[in-house]
PDB file of N, CA and C in Angstrom:
ATOM      1  N   UNK A   1       6.761 -26.383 109.898  1.00  0.00           N
ATOM      2  CA  UNK A   1       7.575 -26.354 111.584  1.00  0.00           C
ATOM      3  C   UNK A   1       9.060 -27.940 110.879  1.00  0.00           C
ATOM      4  N   UNK A   2       9.861 -27.836 111.491  1.00  0.00           N
ATOM      5  CA  UNK A   2      11.450 -27.599 111.321  1.00  0.00           C
ATOM      6  C   UNK A   2      11.485 -29.277 111.837  1.00  0.00           C
ATOM      7  N   UNK A   3      12.774 -29.795 111.684  1.00  0.00           N
ATOM      8  CA  UNK A   3      12.418 -30.753 113.099  1.00  0.00           C
ATOM      9  C   UNK A   3      14.821 -30.987 111.522  1.00  0.00           C
ATOM     10  N   UNK A   4      15.260 -31.142 113.066  1.00  0.00           N
ATOM     11  CA  UNK A   4      16.605 -31.047 112.950  1.00  0.00           C
ATOM     12  C   UNK A   4      16.794 -32.601 112.466  1.00  0.00           C
ATOM     13  N   UNK A   5      17.592 -33.065 111.484  1.00  0.00           N
ATOM     14  CA  UNK A   5      18.271 -34.271 111.090  1.00  0.00           C
ATOM     15  C   UNK A   5      19.760 -34.786 111.343  1.00  0.00           C
ATOM     16  N   UNK A   6      19.845 -35.351 112.140  1.00  0.00           N
ATOM     17  CA  UNK A   6      21.501 -35.848 111.909  1.00  0.00           C
ATOM     18  C   UNK A   6      22.296 -36.414 111.455  1.00  0.00           C
ATOM     19  N   UNK A   7      23.708 -36.865 111.018  1.00  0.00           N
ATOM     20  CA  UNK A   7      24.285 -37.568 110.286  1.00  0.00           C
ATOM     21  C   UNK A   7      25.246 -37.695 111.287  1.00  0.00           C
ATOM     22  N   UNK A   8      25.570 -38.859 111.597  1.00  0.00           N
ATOM     23  CA  UNK A   8      26.400 -39.055 112.113  1.00  0.00           C
ATOM     24  C   UNK A   8      27.544 -40.210 112.638  1.00  0.00           C
ATOM     25  N   UNK A   9      29.077 -40.624 112.366  1.00  0.00           N
ATOM     26  CA  UNK A   9      30.226 -40.822 111.512  1.00  0.00           C
ATOM     27  C   UNK A   9      30.274 -42.167 113.032  1.00  0.00           C
ATOM     28  N   UNK A  10      29.169 -43.316 113.475  1.00  0.00           N
ATOM     29  CA  UNK A  10      30.129 -44.509 114.099  1.00  0.00           C
ATOM     30  C   UNK A  10      31.248 -45.373 113.944  1.00  0.00           C
ATOM     31  N   UNK A  11      31.788 -45.286 112.518  1.00  0.00           N
ATOM     32  CA  UNK A  11      33.119 -46.246 111.981  1.00  0.00           C
ATOM     33  C   UNK A  11      33.690 -45.524 112.536  1.00  0.00           C
ATOM     34  N   UNK A  12      35.202 -45.915 112.733  1.00  0.00           N
ATOM     35  CA  UNK A  12      36.412 -45.597 112.761  1.00  0.00           C
ATOM     36  C   UNK A  12      37.646 -45.649 111.769  1.00  0.00           C
ATOM     37  N   UNK A  13      36.876 -44.891 111.311  1.00  0.00           N
ATOM     38  CA  UNK A  13      37.629 -44.026 110.118  1.00  0.00           C
ATOM     39  C   UNK A  13      37.092 -42.589 109.831  1.00  0.00           C
ATOM     40  N   UNK A  14      37.156 -41.765 108.841  1.00  0.00           N
ATOM     41  CA  UNK A  14      36.768 -40.475 108.891  1.00  0.00           C
ATOM     42  C   UNK A  14      35.910 -40.707 106.872  1.00  0.00           C
ATOM     43  N   UNK A  15      34.068 -40.394 107.607  1.00  0.00           N
ATOM     44  CA  UNK A  15      33.654 -40.492 106.704  1.00  0.00           C
ATOM     45  C   UNK A  15      33.427 -38.694 106.257  1.00  0.00           C
ATOM     46  N   UNK A  16      32.569 -38.761 104.541  1.00  0.00           N
ATOM     47  CA  UNK A  16      31.854 -38.048 103.750  1.00  0.00           C
ATOM     48  C   UNK A  16      31.342 -38.179 103.518  1.00  0.00           C
ATOM     49  N   UNK A  17      30.181 -36.698 103.234  1.00  0.00           N
ATOM     50  CA  UNK A  17      28.889 -36.775 102.897  1.00  0.00           C
ATOM     51  C   UNK A  17      29.141 -35.229 101.814  1.00  0.00           C
ATOM     52  N   UNK A  18      28.723 -36.210 100.188  1.00  0.00           N
ATOM     53  CA  UNK A  18      28.757 -34.854  99.295  1.00  0.00           C
ATOM     54  C   UNK A  18      28.320 -33.811  98.911  1.00  0.00           C
ATOM     55  N   UNK A  19      27.024 -34.878  98.535  1.00  0.00           N
ATOM     56  CA  UNK A  19      25.720 -33.963  98.751  1.00  0.00           C
ATOM     57  C   UNK A  19      24.661 -34.535  99.866  1.00  0.00           C
ATOM     58  N   UNK A  20      23.377 -33.543  99.969  1.00  0.00           N
ATOM     59  CA  UNK A  20      21.946 -33.131  99.934  1.00  0.00           C
ATOM     60  C   UNK A  20      20.901 -32.502  99.708  1.00  0.00           C
ATOM     61  N   UNK A  21      19.860 -33.303  99.466  1.00  0.00           N
ATOM     62  CA  UNK A  21      18.904 -33.082  98.343  1.00  0.00           C
ATOM     63  C   UNK A  21      17.525 -33.534  99.460  1.00  0.00           C
ATOM     64  N   UNK A  22      16.803 -32.712  97.780  1.00  0.00           N
ATOM     65  CA  UNK A  22      15.178 -33.104  98.445  1.00  0.00           C
ATOM     66  C   UNK A  22      14.535 -33.751  96.946  1.00  0.00           C
ATOM     67  N   UNK A  23      13.560 -34.469  96.750  1.00  0.00           N
ATOM     68  CA  UNK A  23      13.144 -34.492  96.000  1.00  0.00           C
ATOM     69  C   UNK A  23      11.663 -34.617  95.953  1.00  0.00           C
ATOM     70  N   UNK A  24      10.904 -33.650  94.907  1.00  0.00           N
ATOM     71  CA  UNK A  24       9.606 -33.768  95.573  1.00  0.00           C
ATOM     72  C   UNK A  24       8.654 -32.604  94.036  1.00  0.00           C
ATOM     73  N   UNK A  25       7.336 -33.456  94.137  1.00  0.00           N
ATOM     74  CA  UNK A  25       7.210 -32.337  92.968  1.00  0.00           C
ATOM     75  C   UNK A  25       5.978 -31.236  93.352  1.00  0.00           C
ATOM     76  N   UNK A  26       5.931 -30.837  94.476  1.00  0.00           N
ATOM     77  CA  UNK A  26       5.522 -30.422  95.327  1.00  0.00           C
ATOM     78  C   UNK A  26       6.030 -29.259  96.041  1.00  0.00           C
ATOM     79  N   UNK A  27       7.434 -28.757  96.368  1.00  0.00           N
ATOM     80  CA  UNK A  27       8.298 -28.149  96.703  1.00  0.00           C
ATOM     81  C   UNK A  27       7.600 -27.721  98.463  1.00  0.00           C
ATOM     82  N   UNK A  28       7.208 -29.266  99.371  1.00  0.00           N
ATOM     83  CA  UNK A  28       5.999 -27.812 100.943  1.00  0.00           C
ATOM     84  C   UNK A  28       7.482 -28.569 102.148  1.00  0.00           C
ATOM     85  N   UNK A  29       8.915 -29.118 101.027  1.00  0.00           N
ATOM     86  CA  UNK A  29       9.607 -29.066 102.122  1.00  0.00           C
ATOM     87  C   UNK A  29      10.988 -28.076 101.684  1.00  0.00           C
ATOM     88  N   UNK A  30      11.771 -28.505 102.706  1.00  0.00           N
ATOM     89  CA  UNK A  30      13.132 -27.139 102.052  1.00  0.00           C
ATOM     90  C   UNK A  30      14.173 -27.557 103.402  1.00  0.00           C
ATOM     91  N   UNK A  31      15.213 -27.839 102.508  1.00  0.00           N
ATOM     92  CA  UNK A  31      16.778 -27.429 103.653  1.00  0.00           C
ATOM     93  C   UNK A  31      17.101 -26.120 104.211  1.00  0.00           C
ATOM     94  N   UNK A  32      17.105 -26.515 105.554  1.00  0.00           N
ATOM     95  CA  UNK A  32      17.663 -25.655 106.349  1.00  0.00           C
ATOM     96  C   UNK A  32      19.372 -25.316 107.208  1.00  0.00           C
ATOM     97  N   UNK A  33      19.689 -24.033 106.905  1.00  0.00           N
ATOM     98  CA  UNK A  33      21.396 -25.097 108.333  1.00  0.00           C
ATOM     99  C   UNK A  33      22.040 -25.817 107.142  1.00  0.00           C
ATOM    100  N   UNK A  34      21.986 -26.300 105.959  1.00  0.00           N
ATOM    101  CA  UNK A  34      22.783 -27.353 105.295  1.00  0.00           C
ATOM    102  C   UNK A  34      24.376 -27.130 105.625  1.00  0.00           C
ATOM    103  N   UNK A  35      25.419 -28.437 106.001  1.00  0.00           N
ATOM    104  CA  UNK A  35      26.751 -27.849 106.375  1.00  0.00           C
ATOM    105  C   UNK A  35      27.848 -27.360 104.625  1.00  0.00           C
ATOM    106  N   UNK A  36      29.144 -26.855 105.193  1.00  0.00           N
ATOM    107  CA  UNK A  36      28.973 -26.622 103.860  1.00  0.00           C
ATOM    108  C   UNK A  36      29.842 -27.678 102.906  1.00  0.00           C
ATOM    109  N   UNK A  37      29.529 -28.410 101.525  1.00  0.00           N
ATOM    110  CA  UNK A  37      29.811 -29.774 101.225  1.00  0.00           C
ATOM    111  C   UNK A  37      30.809 -29.779 100.818  1.00  0.00           C
ATOM    112  N   UNK A  38      30.831 -30.468 100.257  1.00  0.00           N
ATOM    113  CA  UNK A  38      31.294 -31.982 100.530  1.00  0.00           C
ATOM    114  C   UNK A  38      32.344 -31.609 102.513  1.00  0.00           C
ATOM    115  N   UNK A  39      31.752 -32.532 103.159  1.00  0.00           N
ATOM    116  CA  UNK A  39      31.695 -32.621 104.788  1.00  0.00           C
ATOM    117  C   UNK A  39      32.491 -33.597 104.772  1.00  0.00           C
ATOM    118  N   UNK A  40      32.811 -33.571 105.376  1.00  0.00           N
ATOM    119  CA  UNK A  40      34.166 -34.574 106.043  1.00  0.00           C
ATOM    120  C   UNK A  40      33.480 -35.003 107.956  1.00  0.00           C
ATOM    121  N   UNK A  41      33.421 -36.205 108.572  1.00  0.00           N
ATOM    122  CA  UNK A  41      32.983 -35.565 109.633  1.00  0.00           C
ATOM    123  C   UNK A  41      34.332 -36.873 109.809  1.00  0.00           C
ATOM    124  N   UNK A  42      34.872 -36.498 110.625  1.00  0.00           N
ATOM    125  CA  UNK A  42      36.239 -37.971 111.908  1.00  0.00           C
ATOM    126  C   UNK A  42      35.057 -38.799 112.869  1.00  0.00           C
ATOM    127  N   UNK A  43      35.083 -39.801 113.290  1.00  0.00           N
ATOM    128  CA  UNK A  43      34.766 -41.021 113.865  1.00  0.00           C
ATOM    129  C   UNK A  43      33.606 -39.753 114.999  1.00  0.00           C
ATOM    130  N   UNK A  44      32.797 -40.763 115.333  1.00  0.00           N
ATOM    131  CA  UNK A  44      32.537 -39.865 116.872  1.00  0.00           C
ATOM    132  C   UNK A  44      32.159 -39.209 116.166  1.00  0.00           C
ATOM    133  N   UNK A  45      32.250 -37.784 115.037  1.00  0.00           N
ATOM    134  CA  UNK A  45      31.270 -36.957 114.996  1.00  0.00           C
ATOM    135  C   UNK A  45      29.972 -36.656 114.484  1.00  0.00           C
ATOM    136  N   UNK A  46      29.508 -35.115 113.786  1.00  0.00           N
ATOM    137  CA  UNK A  46      27.970 -35.874 112.767  1.00  0.00           C
ATOM    138  C   UNK A  46      28.017 -33.728 112.763  1.00  0.00           C
ATOM    139  N   UNK A  47      26.924 -33.618 112.049  1.00  0.00           N
ATOM    140  CA  UNK A  47      26.792 -33.021 111.281  1.00  0.00           C
ATOM    141  C   UNK A  47      25.290 -32.656 111.739  1.00  0.00           C
ATOM    142  N   UNK A  48      23.716 -31.631 112.218  1.00  0.00           N
ATOM    143  CA  UNK A  48      22.517 -31.820 111.429  1.00  0.00           C
ATOM    144  C   UNK A  48      22.569 -30.527 110.573  1.00  0.00           C
ATOM    145  N   UNK A  49      21.161 -31.048 109.678  1.00  0.00           N
ATOM    146  CA  UNK A  49      20.727 -29.531 109.792  1.00  0.00           C
ATOM    147  C   UNK A  49      19.241 -29.713 109.407  1.00  0.00           C
ATOM    148  N   UNK A  50      18.635 -28.536 109.349  1.00  0.00           N
ATOM    149  CA  UNK A  50      16.814 -28.987 109.223  1.00  0.00           C
ATOM    150  C   UNK A  50      16.371 -29.665 107.407  1.00  0.00           C
ATOM    151  N   UNK A  51      15.113 -29.671 108.246  1.00  0.00           N
ATOM    152  CA  UNK A  51      14.108 -30.283 107.233  1.00  0.00           C
ATOM    153  C   UNK A  51      13.134 -29.588 107.879  1.00  0.00           C
ATOM    154  N   UNK A  52      12.429 -28.709 106.382  1.00  0.00           N
ATOM    155  CA  UNK A  52      11.427 -27.685 107.087  1.00  0.00           C
ATOM    156  C   UNK A  52      10.370 -28.137 106.361  1.00  0.00           C
ATOM    157  N   UNK A  53       8.998 -27.668 106.375  1.00  0.00           N
ATOM    158  CA  UNK A  53       7.555 -28.302 106.600  1.00  0.00           C
ATOM    159  C   UNK A  53       7.209 -26.518 105.604  1.00  0.00           C
ATOM    160  N   UNK A  54       6.626 -26.477 105.153  1.00  0.00           N
ATOM    161  CA  UNK A  54       6.168 -25.705 104.385  1.00  0.00           C
ATOM    162  C   UNK A  54       5.037 -25.630 103.258  1.00  0.00           C
ATOM    163  N   UNK A  55       4.021 -25.757 103.886  1.00  0.00           N
ATOM    164  CA  UNK A  55       2.137 -25.992 102.834  1.00  0.00           C
ATOM    165  C   UNK A  55       1.871 -24.887 102.673  1.00  0.00           C
ATOM    166  N   UNK A  56       1.669 -25.306 101.145  1.00  0.00           N
ATOM    167  CA  UNK A  56       1.118 -24.314 100.537  1.00  0.00           C
ATOM    168  C   UNK A  56      -0.586 -25.264 100.266  1.00  0.00           C
ATOM    169  N   UNK A  57      -0.949 -25.984 100.937  1.00  0.00           N
ATOM    170  CA  UNK A  57      -2.490 -26.423 100.481  1.00  0.00           C
ATOM    171  C   UNK A  57      -3.059 -27.719 101.524  1.00  0.00           C
ATOM    172  N   UNK A  58      -3.932 -27.453 101.739  1.00  0.00           N
ATOM    173  CA  UNK A  58      -4.376 -28.228 102.198  1.00  0.00           C
ATOM    174  C   UNK A  58      -4.037 -30.351 102.024  1.00  0.00           C
ATOM    175  N   UNK A  59      -3.809 -31.248 102.653  1.00  0.00           N
ATOM    176  CA  UNK A  59      -3.338 -32.364 102.273  1.00  0.00           C
ATOM    177  C   UNK A  59      -2.028 -32.927 102.139  1.00  0.00           C
ATOM    178  N   UNK A  60      -2.121 -34.216 101.981  1.00  0.00           N
ATOM    179  CA  UNK A  60      -0.890 -34.488 102.428  1.00  0.00           C
ATOM    180  C   UNK A  60       0.513 -34.723 101.706  1.00  0.00           C
ATOM    181  N   UNK A  61       1.386 -35.085 102.187  1.00  0.00           N
ATOM    182  CA  UNK A  61       2.783 -33.873 100.665  1.00  0.00           C
ATOM    183  C   UNK A  61       3.510 -34.806 101.468  1.00  0.00           C
ATOM    184  N   UNK A  62       3.995 -35.138 100.418  1.00  0.00           N
ATOM    185  CA  UNK A  62       5.793 -36.249 100.668  1.00  0.00           C
ATOM    186  C   UNK A  62       6.977 -35.743  99.389  1.00  0.00           C
ATOM    187  N   UNK A  63       7.815 -36.022 100.080  1.00  0.00           N
ATOM    188  CA  UNK A  63       8.924 -36.662  99.458  1.00  0.00           C
ATOM    189  C   UNK A  63      10.156 -37.040 100.193  1.00  0.00           C
ATOM    190  N   UNK A  64      11.438 -36.936  99.232  1.00  0.00           N
ATOM    191  CA  UNK A  64      11.963 -37.467  98.929  1.00  0.00           C
ATOM    192  C   UNK A  64      13.418 -36.646 100.072  1.00  0.00           C
ATOM    193  N   UNK A  65      14.292 -37.471 101.170  1.00  0.00           N
ATOM    194  CA  UNK A  65      15.318 -36.260 101.494  1.00  0.00           C
ATOM    195  C   UNK A  65      16.149 -37.771 101.099  1.00  0.00           C
ATOM    196  N   UNK A  66      17.047 -36.748 100.196  1.00  0.00           N
ATOM    197  CA  UNK A  66      18.844 -37.459 100.142  1.00  0.00           C
ATOM    198  C   UNK A  66      20.272 -36.991 100.666  1.00  0.00           C
ATOM    199  N   UNK A  67      20.244 -38.238 100.980  1.00  0.00           N
ATOM    200  CA  UNK A  67      21.613 -37.487 101.181  1.00  0.00           C
ATOM    201  C   UNK A  67      22.973 -38.642 100.784  1.00  0.00           C
ATOM    202  N   UNK A  68      23.594 -38.603  99.887  1.00  0.00           N
ATOM    203  CA  UNK A  68      24.151 -39.232  99.159  1.00  0.00           C
ATOM    204  C   UNK A  68      23.951 -39.851  98.527  1.00  0.00           C
ATOM    205  N   UNK A  69      24.245 -41.070  98.521  1.00  0.00           N
ATOM    206  CA  UNK A  69      22.869 -43.169  97.697  1.00  0.00           C
ATOM    207  C   UNK A  69      22.152 -43.707  99.222  1.00  0.00           C
ATOM    208  N   UNK A  70      21.677 -42.434 100.412  1.00  0.00           N
ATOM    209  CA  UNK A  70      21.138 -43.139 100.996  1.00  0.00           C
ATOM    210  C   UNK A  70      19.618 -41.765 101.092  1.00  0.00           C
ATOM    211  N   UNK A  71      18.477 -43.413 100.674  1.00  0.00           N
ATOM    212  CA  UNK A  71      17.215 -41.343 100.990  1.00  0.00           C
ATOM    213  C   UNK A  71      15.898 -41.895 102.241  1.00  0.00           C
ATOM    214  N   UNK A  72      15.100 -41.101 102.617  1.00  0.00           N
ATOM    215  CA  UNK A  72      14.459 -40.816 103.257  1.00  0.00           C
ATOM    216  C   UNK A  72      13.586 -40.316 102.936  1.00  0.00           C
ATOM    217  N   UNK A  73      11.898 -40.683 102.867  1.00  0.00           N
ATOM    218  CA  UNK A  73      10.895 -40.206 102.947  1.00  0.00           C
ATOM    219  C   UNK A  73      10.375 -39.241 103.864  1.00  0.00           C
ATOM    220  N   UNK A  74      10.252 -38.069 103.367  1.00  0.00           N
ATOM    221  CA  UNK A  74       9.548 -37.115 104.180  1.00  0.00           C
ATOM    222  C   UNK A  74       7.724 -37.479 103.895  1.00  0.00           C
ATOM    223  N   UNK A  75       7.120 -37.265 105.348  1.00  0.00           N
ATOM    224  CA  UNK A  75       5.620 -36.932 105.119  1.00  0.00           C
ATOM    225  C   UNK A  75       4.983 -36.109 105.737  1.00  0.00           C
TER     226      UNK A  75
END
């Protein structure tokens, strides 16, 4: 399955994203449709990309999605 992850600039000045990655010991999550990096977002703009879950065995799986210095748990 795939979910869409959205990055939005809700500020009043341009913002940038320089890196997007997934950290995991077991590669069951993958990125899809990444924007070209570095990405500059104007105020009010957004960008989306996919995070796919591609299990290889039964059982729980987890990873960390990192967007620059921000981290998000994937379970």
